[in-house]
Amino acid sequence: MWRAVGLLCCLAASSADAAPPLVGTWFGYGQPDSKDSMYLDHFLANGELHSQFRDCVKGKAFDSTEDGTWSVKGDILTIKIERHNGVADGMAAPRTDAYRLTSVTAQRFKDVYIPLNFPFDEMRVADDFKMPSCQLVS
């Protein structure tokens, strides 16, 4: 019986440890206020986060950025936004956002923004990936 309990503990630890890290560049569509928005997240190994956002309205791009830090504890991804469009302006930054990780693979991760129960689905892309132009998605 102890062997079975020990094996279960080891499997649980191994599966958590074996999960691919979030370090890298990830692309996705959708925000709580606009399903057509797109974003590009750069999770750096030192805990920094740099995000780009693009909203397309009638073929015109409205871009913004956020910079901060990220960390994971258990299945909770915590993102601390320090600057919005380069400024700690008090309205959009600083702030702390919490997400529940629901699936993490080498090429994709899914999470839920906890306060609004809003799901995100991101796919890994090359570090030099550029967001599509609004002409292609509008």
Protein backbone atom coordinates (compact mmCIF):
# COMPACT_ATOMS: atom_id res chain seq x y z
CA MET A 1 0.00 0.00 0.00
CA TRP A 2 2.81 2.46 0.84
CA ARG A 3 4.40 1.72 -2.50
CA ALA A 4 1.18 2.65 -4.30
CA VAL A 5 0.89 5.90 -2.33
CA GLY A 6 4.54 6.68 -3.02
CA LEU A 7 4.08 5.93 -6.72
CA LEU A 8 1.05 8.21 -6.91
CA CYS A 9 2.99 11.02 -5.22
CA CYS A 10 5.91 10.55 -7.60
CA LEU A 11 3.62 10.53 -10.66
CA ALA A 12 1.89 13.72 -9.50
CA ALA A 13 5.22 15.44 -8.94
CA SER A 14 6.65 14.15 -12.22
CA SER A 15 3.71 15.30 -14.30
CA ALA A 16 3.88 18.78 -12.75
CA ASP A 17 7.65 18.96 -13.16
CA ALA A 18 7.43 17.62 -16.73
CA ALA A 19 5.02 20.35 -17.87
CA PRO A 20 6.72 22.51 -20.50
CA PRO A 21 7.60 25.93 -19.13
CA LEU A 22 5.76 29.05 -20.20
CA VAL A 23 9.07 30.67 -21.15
CA GLY A 24 8.80 31.72 -24.78
CA THR A 25 6.51 33.63 -27.12
CA TRP A 26 2.78 32.92 -27.28
CA PHE A 27 0.02 34.22 -29.59
CA GLY A 28 -3.73 34.24 -29.06
CA TYR A 29 -7.06 35.83 -29.92
CA GLY A 30 -9.70 37.31 -27.66
CA GLN A 31 -10.03 39.55 -24.62
CA PRO A 32 -12.95 39.89 -22.21
CA ASP A 33 -14.08 43.06 -23.98
CA SER A 34 -13.36 41.94 -27.57
CA LYS A 35 -13.24 38.43 -28.99
CA ASP A 36 -11.51 39.83 -32.09
CA SER A 37 -8.50 41.26 -30.24
CA MET A 38 -5.17 39.53 -30.60
CA TYR A 39 -2.15 39.46 -28.33
CA LEU A 40 1.44 38.34 -28.22
CA ASP A 41 2.98 37.43 -24.86
CA HIS A 42 6.76 37.19 -24.32
CA PHE A 43 7.41 35.21 -21.09
CA LEU A 44 11.10 35.57 -20.25
CA ALA A 45 13.05 33.11 -18.09
CA ASN A 46 13.94 35.87 -15.61
CA GLY A 47 10.23 36.41 -14.81
CA GLU A 48 9.70 39.44 -17.05
CA LEU A 49 6.63 39.67 -19.27
CA HIS A 50 6.20 41.86 -22.35
CA SER A 51 2.80 41.80 -24.06
CA GLN A 52 1.54 43.39 -27.23
CA PHE A 53 -2.16 43.83 -28.03
CA ARG A 54 -3.92 44.65 -31.30
CA ASP A 55 -7.54 45.61 -31.80
CA CYS A 56 -8.77 45.94 -35.36
CA VAL A 57 -11.58 48.36 -36.15
CA LYS A 58 -12.62 48.67 -39.80
CA GLY A 59 -9.20 47.45 -40.90
CA LYS A 60 -7.26 49.89 -38.70
CA ALA A 61 -4.89 48.65 -35.97
CA PHE A 62 -4.99 50.00 -32.43
CA ASP A 63 -1.92 48.65 -30.66
CA SER A 64 -0.90 48.75 -27.01
CA THR A 65 1.70 47.15 -24.76
CA GLU A 66 2.03 45.97 -21.18
CA ASP A 67 5.19 45.12 -19.25
CA GLY A 68 5.59 43.42 -15.92
CA THR A 69 6.44 40.13 -14.28
CA TRP A 70 5.00 36.63 -14.15
CA SER A 71 5.16 33.64 -11.82
CA VAL A 72 3.45 30.27 -11.42
CA LYS A 73 2.55 28.59 -8.16
CA GLY A 74 0.64 25.33 -8.51
CA ASP A 75 -1.89 25.96 -11.27
CA ILE A 76 -2.09 29.74 -10.72
CA LEU A 77 -0.32 32.08 -13.13
CA THR A 78 0.14 35.52 -11.57
CA ILE A 79 0.92 38.47 -13.83
CA LYS A 80 1.90 41.80 -12.30
CA ILE A 81 1.52 44.62 -14.80
CA GLU A 82 3.89 47.49 -14.06
CA ARG A 83 3.49 49.60 -17.20
CA HIS A 84 0.79 50.09 -19.84
CA ASN A 85 2.13 51.68 -23.05
CA GLY A 86 5.34 52.37 -21.16
CA VAL A 87 3.65 54.25 -18.31
CA ALA A 88 2.57 53.29 -14.78
CA ASP A 89 -0.55 55.42 -15.21
CA GLY A 90 -2.73 54.24 -12.35
CA MET A 91 -5.64 53.19 -14.59
CA ALA A 92 -4.29 50.13 -16.41
CA ALA A 93 -1.10 49.71 -14.38
CA PRO A 94 0.11 48.74 -11.91
CA ARG A 95 -2.20 45.80 -11.28
CA THR A 96 -2.05 42.08 -10.56
CA ASP A 97 -4.01 39.51 -12.58
CA ALA A 98 -4.55 35.85 -11.65
CA TYR A 99 -5.18 33.01 -14.11
CA ARG A 100 -5.86 29.32 -13.55
CA LEU A 101 -3.78 27.15 -15.90
CA THR A 102 -5.99 24.43 -17.36
CA SER A 103 -3.64 22.90 -19.94
CA VAL A 104 0.05 23.36 -20.74
CA THR A 105 1.89 21.60 -23.56
CA ALA A 106 5.03 22.46 -25.48
CA GLN A 107 2.99 24.18 -28.20
CA ARG A 108 -0.13 25.47 -26.45
CA PHE A 109 -1.43 26.63 -23.13
CA LYS A 110 -4.90 27.39 -21.89
CA ASP A 111 -5.84 29.41 -18.86
CA VAL A 112 -8.81 31.17 -17.33
CA TYR A 113 -8.78 34.77 -16.09
CA ILE A 114 -10.18 34.09 -12.63
CA PRO A 115 -12.17 37.30 -11.87
CA LEU A 116 -14.24 37.01 -15.09
CA ASN A 117 -13.94 33.25 -15.72
CA PHE A 118 -12.70 34.18 -19.21
CA PRO A 119 -10.76 31.48 -21.10
CA PHE A 120 -7.56 32.17 -23.04
CA ASP A 121 -5.92 29.79 -25.53
CA GLU A 122 -2.36 30.60 -26.61
CA MET A 123 -0.10 28.88 -29.12
CA ARG A 124 3.68 28.98 -29.10
CA VAL A 125 5.20 30.99 -31.95
CA ALA A 126 8.72 31.98 -32.97
CA ASP A 127 10.28 34.79 -30.93
CA ASP A 128 10.30 37.01 -34.05
CA PHE A 129 6.60 36.34 -34.86
CA LYS A 130 4.66 39.45 -35.89
CA MET A 131 0.93 39.84 -35.31
CA PRO A 132 -1.20 39.69 -38.45
CA SER A 133 -2.20 42.97 -40.00
CA CYS A 134 -5.76 44.12 -39.54
CA GLN A 135 -6.25 43.79 -43.30
CA LEU A 136 -5.91 40.02 -42.89
CA VAL A 137 -8.30 39.62 -39.96
CA SER A 138 -10.95 42.34 -40.40
